[in-house]
């Protein structure tokens, strides 16, 4: 019998992230506590740029955006927000949506699977994702449960289970 396998990936649905950004923009333009603050949130290439006229207001814009991401099913582990910085008369925050598993994190996940997972499970790093294979499907289920129980700094999805 052939080995069963699945892939561990870290992907974000771009359309859902865009919808969250549009909802956040709509909310900050209509909320009373943002009147006269000149808030904005927009895509700047691959990053999200948030602006307001004070540091606490730009952090409030970030908070609104985070709540919209969570409501749309996007983990906050996928959002890499920087610190507020002054730019002229306004404060800005740049945030990136992280996709893919970094090499260092992939090695860490692979080590967890080898050390704590069932015997006979083989993790392989393939670019920015991992393929885990085993002869027994139950072992693969155990690996998924193991990784869900770990507090890793990356949002993991388990796909192509066969």
C-alpha atoms as a PDB file:
ATOM      1  CA  UNK A   1       0.000   0.000   0.000  1.00  0.00           C
ATOM      2  CA  UNK A   2       1.251   3.505  -0.824  1.00  0.00           C
ATOM      3  CA  UNK A   3       2.092   5.998   1.872  1.00  0.00           C
ATOM      4  CA  UNK A   4      -0.584   8.426   2.995  1.00  0.00           C
ATOM      5  CA  UNK A   5       0.436  12.066   3.231  1.00  0.00           C
ATOM      6  CA  UNK A   6      -0.658  15.639   3.825  1.00  0.00           C
ATOM      7  CA  UNK A   7       0.894  19.084   3.415  1.00  0.00           C
ATOM      8  CA  UNK A   8       1.407  21.697   6.116  1.00  0.00           C
ATOM      9  CA  UNK A   9       1.055  25.185   4.652  1.00  0.00           C
ATOM     10  CA  UNK A  10       0.543  28.748   5.850  1.00  0.00           C
ATOM     11  CA  UNK A  11      -1.640  30.628   3.394  1.00  0.00           C
ATOM     12  CA  UNK A  12      -4.017  33.585   3.633  1.00  0.00           C
ATOM     13  CA  UNK A  13      -6.999  34.066   1.348  1.00  0.00           C
ATOM     14  CA  UNK A  14      -6.167  37.408  -0.339  1.00  0.00           C
ATOM     15  CA  UNK A  15      -9.843  38.138  -1.060  1.00  0.00           C
ATOM     16  CA  UNK A  16     -10.785  37.692   2.602  1.00  0.00           C
ATOM     17  CA  UNK A  17      -7.901  39.958   3.683  1.00  0.00           C
ATOM     18  CA  UNK A  18      -9.042  42.566   1.151  1.00  0.00           C
ATOM     19  CA  UNK A  19     -12.630  42.297   2.415  1.00  0.00           C
ATOM     20  CA  UNK A  20     -11.411  42.770   6.014  1.00  0.00           C
ATOM     21  CA  UNK A  21      -9.442  45.851   4.952  1.00  0.00           C
ATOM     22  CA  UNK A  22     -12.459  47.343   3.145  1.00  0.00           C
ATOM     23  CA  UNK A  23     -14.716  46.706   6.146  1.00  0.00           C
ATOM     24  CA  UNK A  24     -12.170  48.312   8.471  1.00  0.00           C
ATOM     25  CA  UNK A  25     -11.896  51.342   6.180  1.00  0.00           C
ATOM     26  CA  UNK A  26     -15.675  51.714   6.138  1.00  0.00           C
ATOM     27  CA  UNK A  27     -15.882  51.456   9.929  1.00  0.00           C
ATOM     28  CA  UNK A  28     -13.115  53.968  10.707  1.00  0.00           C
ATOM     29  CA  UNK A  29     -14.677  56.519   8.351  1.00  0.00           C
ATOM     30  CA  UNK A  30     -18.106  56.196   9.978  1.00  0.00           C
ATOM     31  CA  UNK A  31     -17.207  55.886  13.684  1.00  0.00           C
ATOM     32  CA  UNK A  32     -17.608  58.962  15.865  1.00  0.00           C
ATOM     33  CA  UNK A  33     -14.356  58.504  17.788  1.00  0.00           C
ATOM     34  CA  UNK A  34     -12.409  58.804  14.520  1.00  0.00           C
ATOM     35  CA  UNK A  35     -13.930  62.182  13.539  1.00  0.00           C
ATOM     36  CA  UNK A  36     -11.226  64.810  12.919  1.00  0.00           C
ATOM     37  CA  UNK A  37      -8.449  62.214  13.221  1.00  0.00           C
ATOM     38  CA  UNK A  38      -8.044  61.764   9.452  1.00  0.00           C
ATOM     39  CA  UNK A  39      -7.707  57.958   9.640  1.00  0.00           C
ATOM     40  CA  UNK A  40      -6.951  55.745   6.657  1.00  0.00           C
ATOM     41  CA  UNK A  41      -6.136  52.135   5.926  1.00  0.00           C
ATOM     42  CA  UNK A  42      -5.069  50.933   2.485  1.00  0.00           C
ATOM     43  CA  UNK A  43      -2.910  48.476   0.580  1.00  0.00           C
ATOM     44  CA  UNK A  44       0.580  49.732  -0.161  1.00  0.00           C
ATOM     45  CA  UNK A  45       1.910  47.075  -2.498  1.00  0.00           C
ATOM     46  CA  UNK A  46       1.883  43.835  -0.494  1.00  0.00           C
ATOM     47  CA  UNK A  47       1.675  45.674   2.851  1.00  0.00           C
ATOM     48  CA  UNK A  48      -1.184  47.364   4.670  1.00  0.00           C
ATOM     49  CA  UNK A  49      -0.592  51.035   5.544  1.00  0.00           C
ATOM     50  CA  UNK A  50      -2.553  52.595   8.418  1.00  0.00           C
ATOM     51  CA  UNK A  51      -2.454  56.340   9.134  1.00  0.00           C
ATOM     52  CA  UNK A  52      -3.923  58.692  11.729  1.00  0.00           C
ATOM     53  CA  UNK A  53      -2.916  61.958  13.385  1.00  0.00           C
ATOM     54  CA  UNK A  54      -1.962  60.449  16.773  1.00  0.00           C
ATOM     55  CA  UNK A  55      -0.268  57.294  17.980  1.00  0.00           C
ATOM     56  CA  UNK A  56      -3.264  55.965  19.946  1.00  0.00           C
ATOM     57  CA  UNK A  57      -5.644  56.573  17.018  1.00  0.00           C
ATOM     58  CA  UNK A  58      -3.430  54.648  14.570  1.00  0.00           C
ATOM     59  CA  UNK A  59      -3.304  51.804  17.121  1.00  0.00           C
ATOM     60  CA  UNK A  60      -7.120  51.961  17.230  1.00  0.00           C
ATOM     61  CA  UNK A  61      -7.172  51.625  13.413  1.00  0.00           C
ATOM     62  CA  UNK A  62      -4.945  48.541  13.763  1.00  0.00           C
ATOM     63  CA  UNK A  63      -7.329  47.147  16.399  1.00  0.00           C
ATOM     64  CA  UNK A  64     -10.327  47.608  14.074  1.00  0.00           C
ATOM     65  CA  UNK A  65      -8.422  45.872  11.242  1.00  0.00           C
ATOM     66  CA  UNK A  66      -7.449  42.969  13.529  1.00  0.00           C
ATOM     67  CA  UNK A  67     -11.061  42.493  14.634  1.00  0.00           C
ATOM     68  CA  UNK A  68     -12.189  42.394  10.979  1.00  0.00           C
ATOM     69  CA  UNK A  69      -9.479  39.816  10.143  1.00  0.00           C
ATOM     70  CA  UNK A  70     -10.603  37.575  13.006  1.00  0.00           C
ATOM     71  CA  UNK A  71     -14.236  37.892  11.961  1.00  0.00           C
ATOM     72  CA  UNK A  72     -13.233  36.802   8.441  1.00  0.00           C
ATOM     73  CA  UNK A  73     -11.415  33.715   9.756  1.00  0.00           C
ATOM     74  CA  UNK A  74      -7.851  34.945   9.272  1.00  0.00           C
ATOM     75  CA  UNK A  75      -5.510  34.210  12.177  1.00  0.00           C
ATOM     76  CA  UNK A  76      -3.675  37.157  13.728  1.00  0.00           C
ATOM     77  CA  UNK A  77      -0.507  35.019  13.523  1.00  0.00           C
ATOM     78  CA  UNK A  78      -0.604  35.845   9.797  1.00  0.00           C
ATOM     79  CA  UNK A  79      -0.450  39.604  10.476  1.00  0.00           C
ATOM     80  CA  UNK A  80       2.990  41.089  11.085  1.00  0.00           C
ATOM     81  CA  UNK A  81       2.301  44.640  12.294  1.00  0.00           C
ATOM     82  CA  UNK A  82       5.166  47.012  13.005  1.00  0.00           C
ATOM     83  CA  UNK A  83       5.363  49.715  15.643  1.00  0.00           C
ATOM     84  CA  UNK A  84       3.723  53.131  15.086  1.00  0.00           C
ATOM     85  CA  UNK A  85       6.145  55.694  13.705  1.00  0.00           C
ATOM     86  CA  UNK A  86       5.812  59.428  13.062  1.00  0.00           C
ATOM     87  CA  UNK A  87       5.832  60.592   9.472  1.00  0.00           C
ATOM     88  CA  UNK A  88       5.416  64.331   9.236  1.00  0.00           C
ATOM     89  CA  UNK A  89       2.218  65.304  11.082  1.00  0.00           C
ATOM     90  CA  UNK A  90       0.784  61.799  11.090  1.00  0.00           C
ATOM     91  CA  UNK A  91       1.532  58.418  12.628  1.00  0.00           C
ATOM     92  CA  UNK A  92       1.756  55.284  10.517  1.00  0.00           C
ATOM     93  CA  UNK A  93       1.830  51.526  11.003  1.00  0.00           C
ATOM     94  CA  UNK A  94       2.939  49.148   8.269  1.00  0.00           C
ATOM     95  CA  UNK A  95       1.652  45.576   8.502  1.00  0.00           C
ATOM     96  CA  UNK A  96       2.465  42.622   6.298  1.00  0.00           C
ATOM     97  CA  UNK A  97       0.359  39.523   5.708  1.00  0.00           C
ATOM     98  CA  UNK A  98       2.726  36.568   6.246  1.00  0.00           C
ATOM     99  CA  UNK A  99       2.432  33.595   3.919  1.00  0.00           C
ATOM    100  CA  UNK A 100       4.530  30.476   3.687  1.00  0.00           C
ATOM    101  CA  UNK A 101       6.539  28.755   6.384  1.00  0.00           C
ATOM    102  CA  UNK A 102      10.038  30.140   6.914  1.00  0.00           C
ATOM    103  CA  UNK A 103      12.947  27.683   6.711  1.00  0.00           C
ATOM    104  CA  UNK A 104      13.765  28.029  10.413  1.00  0.00           C
ATOM    105  CA  UNK A 105      10.155  27.388  11.453  1.00  0.00           C
ATOM    106  CA  UNK A 106       9.869  24.474   9.014  1.00  0.00           C
ATOM    107  CA  UNK A 107      12.942  22.855  10.603  1.00  0.00           C
ATOM    108  CA  UNK A 108      11.429  23.417  14.060  1.00  0.00           C
ATOM    109  CA  UNK A 109       8.127  21.776  13.007  1.00  0.00           C
ATOM    110  CA  UNK A 110      10.025  18.899  11.393  1.00  0.00           C
ATOM    111  CA  UNK A 111      12.006  18.362  14.620  1.00  0.00           C
ATOM    112  CA  UNK A 112       8.784  18.359  16.699  1.00  0.00           C
ATOM    113  CA  UNK A 113       7.283  15.702  14.397  1.00  0.00           C
ATOM    114  CA  UNK A 114      10.409  13.511  14.548  1.00  0.00           C
ATOM    115  CA  UNK A 115      10.877  13.859  18.330  1.00  0.00           C
ATOM    116  CA  UNK A 116       7.287  13.756  19.614  1.00  0.00           C
ATOM    117  CA  UNK A 117       5.320  12.238  16.749  1.00  0.00           C
ATOM    118  CA  UNK A 118       4.640   8.569  16.065  1.00  0.00           C
ATOM    119  CA  UNK A 119       7.470   6.454  14.674  1.00  0.00           C
ATOM    120  CA  UNK A 120       7.456   5.951  10.919  1.00  0.00           C
ATOM    121  CA  UNK A 121       6.253   9.483  10.119  1.00  0.00           C
ATOM    122  CA  UNK A 122       8.504  11.289   7.647  1.00  0.00           C
ATOM    123  CA  UNK A 123       8.417  15.108   7.379  1.00  0.00           C
ATOM    124  CA  UNK A 124       9.986  16.724   4.281  1.00  0.00           C
ATOM    125  CA  UNK A 125      10.542  20.442   3.762  1.00  0.00           C
ATOM    126  CA  UNK A 126       9.448  21.500   0.268  1.00  0.00           C
ATOM    127  CA  UNK A 127      10.056  25.200  -0.256  1.00  0.00           C
ATOM    128  CA  UNK A 128       7.695  27.132   2.028  1.00  0.00           C
ATOM    129  CA  UNK A 129       5.615  24.099   3.043  1.00  0.00           C
ATOM    130  CA  UNK A 130       6.084  20.652   4.587  1.00  0.00           C
ATOM    131  CA  UNK A 131       4.918  17.255   3.365  1.00  0.00           C
ATOM    132  CA  UNK A 132       4.316  14.651   6.054  1.00  0.00           C
ATOM    133  CA  UNK A 133       3.972  11.011   5.000  1.00  0.00           C
ATOM    134  CA  UNK A 134       3.383   7.724   6.788  1.00  0.00           C
ATOM    135  CA  UNK A 135       2.091   4.238   6.087  1.00  0.00           C
ATOM    136  CA  UNK A 136      -0.664   4.650   8.704  1.00  0.00           C
ATOM    137  CA  UNK A 137      -3.365   7.327   8.419  1.00  0.00           C
ATOM    138  CA  UNK A 138      -3.846   7.260  12.195  1.00  0.00           C
ATOM    139  CA  UNK A 139      -0.240   8.427  12.620  1.00  0.00           C
ATOM    140  CA  UNK A 140      -0.953  11.398  10.338  1.00  0.00           C
ATOM    141  CA  UNK A 141      -4.012  12.283  12.435  1.00  0.00           C
ATOM    142  CA  UNK A 142      -1.795  12.122  15.539  1.00  0.00           C
ATOM    143  CA  UNK A 143       0.712  14.526  13.924  1.00  0.00           C
ATOM    144  CA  UNK A 144      -2.074  16.999  13.082  1.00  0.00           C
ATOM    145  CA  UNK A 145      -3.338  16.843  16.683  1.00  0.00           C
ATOM    146  CA  UNK A 146       0.229  17.270  17.988  1.00  0.00           C
ATOM    147  CA  UNK A 147       0.868  20.388  15.884  1.00  0.00           C
ATOM    148  CA  UNK A 148      -2.521  21.920  16.743  1.00  0.00           C
ATOM    149  CA  UNK A 149      -1.606  21.535  20.410  1.00  0.00           C
ATOM    150  CA  UNK A 150       1.722  23.358  19.978  1.00  0.00           C
ATOM    151  CA  UNK A 151       1.863  27.157  20.228  1.00  0.00           C
ATOM    152  CA  UNK A 152       3.807  27.982  17.079  1.00  0.00           C
ATOM    153  CA  UNK A 153       4.184  31.555  15.836  1.00  0.00           C
ATOM    154  CA  UNK A 154       2.741  30.701  12.420  1.00  0.00           C
ATOM    155  CA  UNK A 155      -0.819  29.930  11.288  1.00  0.00           C
ATOM    156  CA  UNK A 156      -0.842  26.352   9.968  1.00  0.00           C
ATOM    157  CA  UNK A 157      -3.313  24.684   7.622  1.00  0.00           C
ATOM    158  CA  UNK A 158      -3.303  20.989   6.808  1.00  0.00           C
ATOM    159  CA  UNK A 159      -4.170  20.305   3.150  1.00  0.00           C
ATOM    160  CA  UNK A 160      -3.999  17.552   0.485  1.00  0.00           C
ATOM    161  CA  UNK A 161      -4.737  14.800   2.975  1.00  0.00           C
ATOM    162  CA  UNK A 162      -4.660  11.506   1.062  1.00  0.00           C
END
